[in-house]
Amino acid sequence: MRTHLARGSRILAVTAAIALAVGLAPAGVAQAKDKDCGWNGNVIPLMERADSKVRSKKVTARIHEKFGADATVTAYTRMEVDLQAAPGETPVATIAATLTRNYVTYNLQVVDGTSEYTASAQVRFDGLCYRTTVVVDSPWVGSTGTDKPLKVNANKALRLAQQYRIKHIDEYPVTEPLVSMNLMQATTAPPDFGKLRWYVNYDNGMGGLSILAVYMNGQVSPV
């Protein structure tokens, strides 16, 4: 099935609202590694950096501004990792390093006396270069987290998605450009509820997105 404005447009809209086979890599990829602090598409160091930044004194100060000086963050849950094309850039369909506008989003459990709240914080990067953290007083929804084992990395997910497009070229033309990918345990209907997966998003040329889900067992499914 082709999706025009469903899952992918929600990602882009919420992100705005919260601030809001073998070959040589193109020369631009090597240049991007220098410009983007060594970003090579591996989300493990990205998540590690974000895990540190979200626990910073600046984020704590923002929580105090929103919920009061006595507010305490009792739990941090990494909800989602989003890799997006930077404005004006054309990513390579099988190279995650060419997606450089990166976001890691968390839910924060906040306690203020007898009251409990859920806030969210989005840590933003250019590649692996830290940009800023945005905190809002509402939860991030649509995912149960990203705590399950990452058995398919971003680059492998893109390769699997590309292989699927080649086999189903009538439904998923390989000419549709890659625009983003999202890692999450999505709150979809059973039996897929809470399964860790990548959503790989392509511009369908009709104002929306064509989306493929890539699961940790290597299965690729249309969305």
C-alpha atoms as a PDB file:
ATOM      1  CA  MET A   1       0.000   0.000   0.000  1.00  0.00           C
ATOM      2  CA  ARG A   2       1.142   3.555  -0.664  1.00  0.00           C
ATOM      3  CA  THR A   3       0.889   6.006   2.180  1.00  0.00           C
ATOM      4  CA  HIS A   4       0.521   9.676   1.322  1.00  0.00           C
ATOM      5  CA  LEU A   5       0.277  11.690   4.524  1.00  0.00           C
ATOM      6  CA  ALA A   6      -0.145   9.120   7.293  1.00  0.00           C
ATOM      7  CA  ARG A   7       2.798   7.998   9.412  1.00  0.00           C
ATOM      8  CA  GLY A   8       5.526  10.122   7.828  1.00  0.00           C
ATOM      9  CA  SER A   9       3.612  13.392   7.909  1.00  0.00           C
ATOM     10  CA  ARG A  10       2.879  12.840  11.609  1.00  0.00           C
ATOM     11  CA  ILE A  11       6.620  12.560  12.254  1.00  0.00           C
ATOM     12  CA  LEU A  12       7.343  15.773  10.379  1.00  0.00           C
ATOM     13  CA  ALA A  13       4.423  17.619  11.915  1.00  0.00           C
ATOM     14  CA  VAL A  14       5.194  16.617  15.489  1.00  0.00           C
ATOM     15  CA  THR A  15       8.880  17.379  15.026  1.00  0.00           C
ATOM     16  CA  ALA A  16       7.938  20.870  13.879  1.00  0.00           C
ATOM     17  CA  ALA A  17       5.491  21.278  16.714  1.00  0.00           C
ATOM     18  CA  ILE A  18       7.901  20.260  19.438  1.00  0.00           C
ATOM     19  CA  ALA A  19      10.040  23.376  18.820  1.00  0.00           C
ATOM     20  CA  LEU A  20       8.500  23.236  16.732  1.00  0.00           C
ATOM     21  CA  ALA A  21      26.094  -3.882  -4.030  1.00  0.00           C
ATOM     22  CA  VAL A  22      29.605  -3.064  -3.090  1.00  0.00           C
ATOM     23  CA  GLY A  23      31.058   0.211  -4.264  1.00  0.00           C
ATOM     24  CA  LEU A  24      32.767   3.387  -3.194  1.00  0.00           C
ATOM     25  CA  ALA A  25      30.794   5.920  -1.197  1.00  0.00           C
ATOM     26  CA  PRO A  26      30.289   9.278  -2.919  1.00  0.00           C
ATOM     27  CA  ALA A  27      32.806  11.998  -2.079  1.00  0.00           C
ATOM     28  CA  GLY A  28      30.087  13.891  -0.262  1.00  0.00           C
ATOM     29  CA  VAL A  29      29.811  11.107   2.305  1.00  0.00           C
ATOM     30  CA  ALA A  30      33.458  11.449   3.344  1.00  0.00           C
ATOM     31  CA  GLN A  31      33.062  15.212   3.575  1.00  0.00           C
ATOM     32  CA  ALA A  32      29.942  14.795   5.685  1.00  0.00           C
ATOM     33  CA  LYS A  33      31.870  12.721   8.235  1.00  0.00           C
ATOM     34  CA  ASP A  34      34.158  15.687   8.922  1.00  0.00           C
ATOM     35  CA  LYS A  35      31.381  18.257   8.883  1.00  0.00           C
ATOM     36  CA  ASP A  36      29.050  16.182  11.062  1.00  0.00           C
ATOM     37  CA  CYS A  37      31.460  15.077  13.829  1.00  0.00           C
ATOM     38  CA  GLY A  38      32.211  11.634  12.424  1.00  0.00           C
ATOM     39  CA  TRP A  39      28.605  10.669  11.710  1.00  0.00           C
ATOM     40  CA  ASN A  40      28.564   7.398   9.730  1.00  0.00           C
ATOM     41  CA  GLY A  41      24.941   6.346  10.161  1.00  0.00           C
ATOM     42  CA  ASN A  42      25.553   4.327  13.341  1.00  0.00           C
ATOM     43  CA  VAL A  43      22.823   5.341  15.776  1.00  0.00           C
ATOM     44  CA  ILE A  44      24.470   3.758  18.842  1.00  0.00           C
ATOM     45  CA  PRO A  45      26.838   6.706  19.497  1.00  0.00           C
ATOM     46  CA  LEU A  46      24.020   9.081  18.558  1.00  0.00           C
ATOM     47  CA  MET A  47      21.790   7.576  21.246  1.00  0.00           C
ATOM     48  CA  GLU A  48      24.643   7.556  23.767  1.00  0.00           C
ATOM     49  CA  ARG A  49      25.294  11.262  23.241  1.00  0.00           C
ATOM     50  CA  ALA A  50      21.601  12.037  23.463  1.00  0.00           C
ATOM     51  CA  ASP A  51      21.258   9.958  26.648  1.00  0.00           C
ATOM     52  CA  SER A  52      23.909  12.186  28.220  1.00  0.00           C
ATOM     53  CA  LYS A  53      22.520  15.489  26.947  1.00  0.00           C
ATOM     54  CA  VAL A  54      18.961  14.810  28.092  1.00  0.00           C
ATOM     55  CA  ARG A  55      20.244  14.419  31.671  1.00  0.00           C
ATOM     56  CA  SER A  56      22.066  17.746  31.620  1.00  0.00           C
ATOM     57  CA  LYS A  57      21.593  20.627  34.056  1.00  0.00           C
ATOM     58  CA  LYS A  58      20.063  22.693  31.262  1.00  0.00           C
ATOM     59  CA  VAL A  59      17.256  20.172  30.783  1.00  0.00           C
ATOM     60  CA  THR A  60      16.707  20.039  34.547  1.00  0.00           C
ATOM     61  CA  ALA A  61      16.441  23.835  34.559  1.00  0.00           C
ATOM     62  CA  ARG A  62      13.807  23.709  31.822  1.00  0.00           C
ATOM     63  CA  ILE A  63      11.823  21.163  33.845  1.00  0.00           C
ATOM     64  CA  HIS A  64      11.946  23.523  36.834  1.00  0.00           C
ATOM     65  CA  GLU A  65      10.713  26.387  34.644  1.00  0.00           C
ATOM     66  CA  LYS A  66       7.743  24.354  33.459  1.00  0.00           C
ATOM     67  CA  PHE A  67       6.799  22.376  36.577  1.00  0.00           C
ATOM     68  CA  GLY A  68       8.266  24.299  39.509  1.00  0.00           C
ATOM     69  CA  ALA A  69      11.525  24.397  41.447  1.00  0.00           C
ATOM     70  CA  ASP A  70      10.662  21.228  43.380  1.00  0.00           C
ATOM     71  CA  ALA A  71      10.015  19.133  40.268  1.00  0.00           C
ATOM     72  CA  THR A  72      12.220  16.058  39.846  1.00  0.00           C
ATOM     73  CA  VAL A  73      12.709  13.797  36.833  1.00  0.00           C
ATOM     74  CA  THR A  74      12.335  10.220  38.078  1.00  0.00           C
ATOM     75  CA  ALA A  75      12.676   8.352  34.752  1.00  0.00           C
ATOM     76  CA  TYR A  76      13.968   8.942  31.230  1.00  0.00           C
ATOM     77  CA  THR A  77      12.588   6.785  28.378  1.00  0.00           C
ATOM     78  CA  ARG A  78      14.133   7.048  24.918  1.00  0.00           C
ATOM     79  CA  MET A  79      11.084   6.907  22.663  1.00  0.00           C
ATOM     80  CA  GLU A  80      12.282   7.395  19.109  1.00  0.00           C
ATOM     81  CA  VAL A  81      15.264   8.131  16.870  1.00  0.00           C
ATOM     82  CA  ASP A  82      14.633  10.135  13.699  1.00  0.00           C
ATOM     83  CA  LEU A  83      17.190  10.569  10.912  1.00  0.00           C
ATOM     84  CA  GLN A  84      16.149  13.176   8.364  1.00  0.00           C
ATOM     85  CA  ALA A  85      17.531  14.792   5.248  1.00  0.00           C
ATOM     86  CA  ALA A  86      18.975  18.223   5.882  1.00  0.00           C
ATOM     87  CA  PRO A  87      17.280  21.039   3.941  1.00  0.00           C
ATOM     88  CA  GLY A  88      18.513  21.126   0.368  1.00  0.00           C
ATOM     89  CA  GLU A  89      20.323  17.783   0.638  1.00  0.00           C
ATOM     90  CA  THR A  90      19.575  14.660  -1.431  1.00  0.00           C
ATOM     91  CA  PRO A  91      20.401  11.529   0.608  1.00  0.00           C
ATOM     92  CA  VAL A  92      21.743   8.316  -0.931  1.00  0.00           C
ATOM     93  CA  ALA A  93      19.019   5.669  -0.630  1.00  0.00           C
ATOM     94  CA  THR A  94      21.327   3.067   0.980  1.00  0.00           C
ATOM     95  CA  ILE A  95      23.637   5.272   3.081  1.00  0.00           C
ATOM     96  CA  ALA A  96      22.337   6.448   6.459  1.00  0.00           C
ATOM     97  CA  ALA A  97      25.258   8.869   6.862  1.00  0.00           C
ATOM     98  CA  THR A  98      23.616  11.078   4.230  1.00  0.00           C
ATOM     99  CA  LEU A  99      20.702  11.687   6.636  1.00  0.00           C
ATOM    100  CA  THR A 100      22.211  14.333   8.896  1.00  0.00           C
ATOM    101  CA  ARG A 101      19.346  16.173  10.598  1.00  0.00           C
ATOM    102  CA  ASN A 102      18.997  13.829  13.563  1.00  0.00           C
ATOM    103  CA  TYR A 103      16.623  13.794  16.527  1.00  0.00           C
ATOM    104  CA  VAL A 104      16.393  11.597  19.634  1.00  0.00           C
ATOM    105  CA  THR A 105      13.190  12.032  21.631  1.00  0.00           C
ATOM    106  CA  TYR A 106      12.479  11.089  25.248  1.00  0.00           C
ATOM    107  CA  ASN A 107       9.605  10.980  27.672  1.00  0.00           C
ATOM    108  CA  LEU A 108      10.455  12.282  31.131  1.00  0.00           C
ATOM    109  CA  GLN A 109       8.478  11.256  34.196  1.00  0.00           C
ATOM    110  CA  VAL A 110       8.281  14.302  36.431  1.00  0.00           C
ATOM    111  CA  VAL A 111       7.208  14.377  40.078  1.00  0.00           C
ATOM    112  CA  ASP A 112       6.294  17.586  41.895  1.00  0.00           C
ATOM    113  CA  GLY A 113       5.167  16.783  45.402  1.00  0.00           C
ATOM    114  CA  THR A 114       2.144  14.530  45.029  1.00  0.00           C
ATOM    115  CA  SER A 115       1.625  15.319  41.341  1.00  0.00           C
ATOM    116  CA  GLU A 116       3.078  13.344  38.428  1.00  0.00           C
ATOM    117  CA  TYR A 117       3.518  14.525  34.860  1.00  0.00           C
ATOM    118  CA  THR A 118       5.005  13.311  31.584  1.00  0.00           C
ATOM    119  CA  ALA A 119       7.112  15.793  29.664  1.00  0.00           C
ATOM    120  CA  SER A 120       9.126  15.165  26.513  1.00  0.00           C
ATOM    121  CA  ALA A 121      12.561  16.297  25.395  1.00  0.00           C
ATOM    122  CA  GLN A 122      13.998  16.186  21.903  1.00  0.00           C
ATOM    123  CA  VAL A 123      17.797  16.211  21.550  1.00  0.00           C
ATOM    124  CA  ARG A 124      18.834  17.541  18.144  1.00  0.00           C
ATOM    125  CA  PHE A 125      22.023  16.934  16.190  1.00  0.00           C
ATOM    126  CA  ASP A 126      23.681  17.689  12.878  1.00  0.00           C
ATOM    127  CA  GLY A 127      25.114  14.238  12.318  1.00  0.00           C
ATOM    128  CA  LEU A 128      26.763  13.657  15.702  1.00  0.00           C
ATOM    129  CA  CYS A 129      27.255  17.382  16.369  1.00  0.00           C
ATOM    130  CA  TYR A 130      24.963  18.477  19.201  1.00  0.00           C
ATOM    131  CA  ARG A 131      22.644  21.388  18.383  1.00  0.00           C
ATOM    132  CA  THR A 132      20.077  21.853  21.115  1.00  0.00           C
ATOM    133  CA  THR A 133      17.464  20.193  23.331  1.00  0.00           C
ATOM    134  CA  VAL A 134      13.812  21.222  23.264  1.00  0.00           C
ATOM    135  CA  VAL A 135      11.579  20.426  26.261  1.00  0.00           C
ATOM    136  CA  VAL A 136       7.774  20.516  26.190  1.00  0.00           C
ATOM    137  CA  ASP A 137       5.214  19.754  28.889  1.00  0.00           C
ATOM    138  CA  SER A 138       3.435  16.962  26.999  1.00  0.00           C
ATOM    139  CA  PRO A 139       4.385  13.338  26.216  1.00  0.00           C
ATOM    140  CA  TRP A 140       5.743  11.921  22.952  1.00  0.00           C
ATOM    141  CA  VAL A 141       3.250   9.348  21.656  1.00  0.00           C
ATOM    142  CA  GLY A 142       3.230   6.590  19.044  1.00  0.00           C
ATOM    143  CA  SER A 143       6.097   4.524  20.460  1.00  0.00           C
ATOM    144  CA  THR A 144       6.734   2.442  23.558  1.00  0.00           C
ATOM    145  CA  GLY A 145      10.474   3.178  23.442  1.00  0.00           C
ATOM    146  CA  THR A 146      13.672   1.929  21.807  1.00  0.00           C
ATOM    147  CA  ASP A 147      15.001  -0.358  24.538  1.00  0.00           C
ATOM    148  CA  LYS A 148      14.846  -3.657  22.606  1.00  0.00           C
ATOM    149  CA  PRO A 149      18.041  -4.977  20.935  1.00  0.00           C
ATOM    150  CA  LEU A 150      19.034  -3.165  17.746  1.00  0.00           C
ATOM    151  CA  LYS A 151      19.684  -6.155  15.472  1.00  0.00           C
ATOM    152  CA  VAL A 152      19.316  -4.212  12.216  1.00  0.00           C
ATOM    153  CA  ASN A 153      21.305  -0.998  12.011  1.00  0.00           C
ATOM    154  CA  ALA A 154      20.307   2.000   9.922  1.00  0.00           C
ATOM    155  CA  ASN A 155      22.482   1.147   6.929  1.00  0.00           C
ATOM    156  CA  LYS A 156      21.240  -2.445   6.814  1.00  0.00           C
ATOM    157  CA  ALA A 157      17.647  -1.239   7.100  1.00  0.00           C
ATOM    158  CA  LEU A 158      18.167   1.013   4.092  1.00  0.00           C
ATOM    159  CA  ARG A 159      19.704  -1.828   2.067  1.00  0.00           C
ATOM    160  CA  LEU A 160      16.829  -4.166   2.932  1.00  0.00           C
ATOM    161  CA  ALA A 161      14.290  -1.498   2.033  1.00  0.00           C
ATOM    162  CA  GLN A 162      16.050  -0.854  -1.272  1.00  0.00           C
ATOM    163  CA  GLN A 163      16.010  -4.576  -2.096  1.00  0.00           C
ATOM    164  CA  TYR A 164      12.266  -4.593  -1.384  1.00  0.00           C
ATOM    165  CA  ARG A 165      11.744  -1.619  -3.690  1.00  0.00           C
ATOM    166  CA  ILE A 166      13.653  -3.350  -6.494  1.00  0.00           C
ATOM    167  CA  LYS A 167      11.417  -6.428  -6.130  1.00  0.00           C
ATOM    168  CA  HIS A 168       8.223  -4.331  -5.925  1.00  0.00           C
ATOM    169  CA  ILE A 169       9.176  -1.522  -8.257  1.00  0.00           C
ATOM    170  CA  ASP A 170       5.600  -0.879  -9.440  1.00  0.00           C
ATOM    171  CA  GLU A 171       4.463  -0.033  -5.909  1.00  0.00           C
ATOM    172  CA  TYR A 172       7.731   1.414  -4.589  1.00  0.00           C
ATOM    173  CA  PRO A 173       9.714   2.981  -7.458  1.00  0.00           C
ATOM    174  CA  VAL A 174      13.430   3.279  -6.744  1.00  0.00           C
ATOM    175  CA  THR A 175      13.294   6.779  -8.210  1.00  0.00           C
ATOM    176  CA  GLU A 176      11.436   8.034  -5.131  1.00  0.00           C
ATOM    177  CA  PRO A 177      14.055   9.824  -2.999  1.00  0.00           C
ATOM    178  CA  LEU A 178      14.822   8.895   0.586  1.00  0.00           C
ATOM    179  CA  VAL A 179      13.800  11.630   3.034  1.00  0.00           C
ATOM    180  CA  SER A 180      13.988  10.104   6.521  1.00  0.00           C
ATOM    181  CA  MET A 181      13.933   7.007   8.716  1.00  0.00           C
ATOM    182  CA  ASN A 182      12.566   6.471  12.221  1.00  0.00           C
ATOM    183  CA  LEU A 183      13.481   3.888  14.874  1.00  0.00           C
ATOM    184  CA  MET A 184      10.747   3.009  17.363  1.00  0.00           C
ATOM    185  CA  GLN A 185       8.646   0.355  19.044  1.00  0.00           C
ATOM    186  CA  ALA A 186       5.465   1.542  17.411  1.00  0.00           C
ATOM    187  CA  THR A 187       2.046   1.381  19.040  1.00  0.00           C
ATOM    188  CA  THR A 188       0.501  -0.371  16.040  1.00  0.00           C
ATOM    189  CA  ALA A 189      -2.213  -3.015  16.184  1.00  0.00           C
ATOM    190  CA  PRO A 190      -1.305  -6.538  17.420  1.00  0.00           C
ATOM    191  CA  PRO A 191       0.697  -8.591  16.680  1.00  0.00           C
ATOM    192  CA  ASP A 192       3.097  -5.760  15.759  1.00  0.00           C
ATOM    193  CA  PHE A 193       2.473  -3.647  18.861  1.00  0.00           C
ATOM    194  CA  GLY A 194       5.718  -2.629  20.532  1.00  0.00           C
ATOM    195  CA  LYS A 195       8.036  -4.371  18.054  1.00  0.00           C
ATOM    196  CA  LEU A 196      11.231  -2.441  17.385  1.00  0.00           C
ATOM    197  CA  ARG A 197      11.444  -1.423  13.735  1.00  0.00           C
ATOM    198  CA  TRP A 198      12.678   1.162  11.304  1.00  0.00           C
ATOM    199  CA  TYR A 199      10.269   3.162   9.196  1.00  0.00           C
ATOM    200  CA  VAL A 200      11.999   4.159   5.949  1.00  0.00           C
ATOM    201  CA  ASN A 201      10.296   7.094   4.263  1.00  0.00           C
ATOM    202  CA  TYR A 202      10.470   8.140   0.603  1.00  0.00           C
ATOM    203  CA  ASP A 203       8.978  11.176  -1.122  1.00  0.00           C
ATOM    204  CA  ASN A 204       6.238   9.819  -3.374  1.00  0.00           C
ATOM    205  CA  GLY A 205       6.039  13.000  -5.441  1.00  0.00           C
ATOM    206  CA  MET A 206       2.365  13.514  -4.563  1.00  0.00           C
ATOM    207  CA  GLY A 207       2.730  15.530  -1.394  1.00  0.00           C
ATOM    208  CA  GLY A 208       3.229  12.526   0.870  1.00  0.00           C
ATOM    209  CA  LEU A 209       5.415   9.553   1.629  1.00  0.00           C
ATOM    210  CA  SER A 210       5.881   5.926   0.631  1.00  0.00           C
ATOM    211  CA  ILE A 211       6.834   4.031   3.788  1.00  0.00           C
ATOM    212  CA  LEU A 212       8.449   0.644   4.422  1.00  0.00           C
ATOM    213  CA  ALA A 213       8.797  -0.943   7.861  1.00  0.00           C
ATOM    214  CA  VAL A 214      12.002  -2.910   8.469  1.00  0.00           C
ATOM    215  CA  TYR A 215      11.888  -5.213  11.508  1.00  0.00           C
ATOM    216  CA  MET A 216      14.767  -6.557  13.584  1.00  0.00           C
ATOM    217  CA  ASN A 217      14.443 -10.006  11.948  1.00  0.00           C
ATOM    218  CA  GLY A 218      15.061  -8.461   8.514  1.00  0.00           C
ATOM    219  CA  GLN A 219      11.425  -8.592   7.419  1.00  0.00           C
ATOM    220  CA  VAL A 220      10.281  -5.669   5.267  1.00  0.00           C
ATOM    221  CA  SER A 221       6.599  -4.743   5.130  1.00  0.00           C
ATOM    222  CA  PRO A 222       4.713  -1.962   3.348  1.00  0.00           C
ATOM    223  CA  VAL A 223       2.906   0.511   5.571  1.00  0.00           C
END
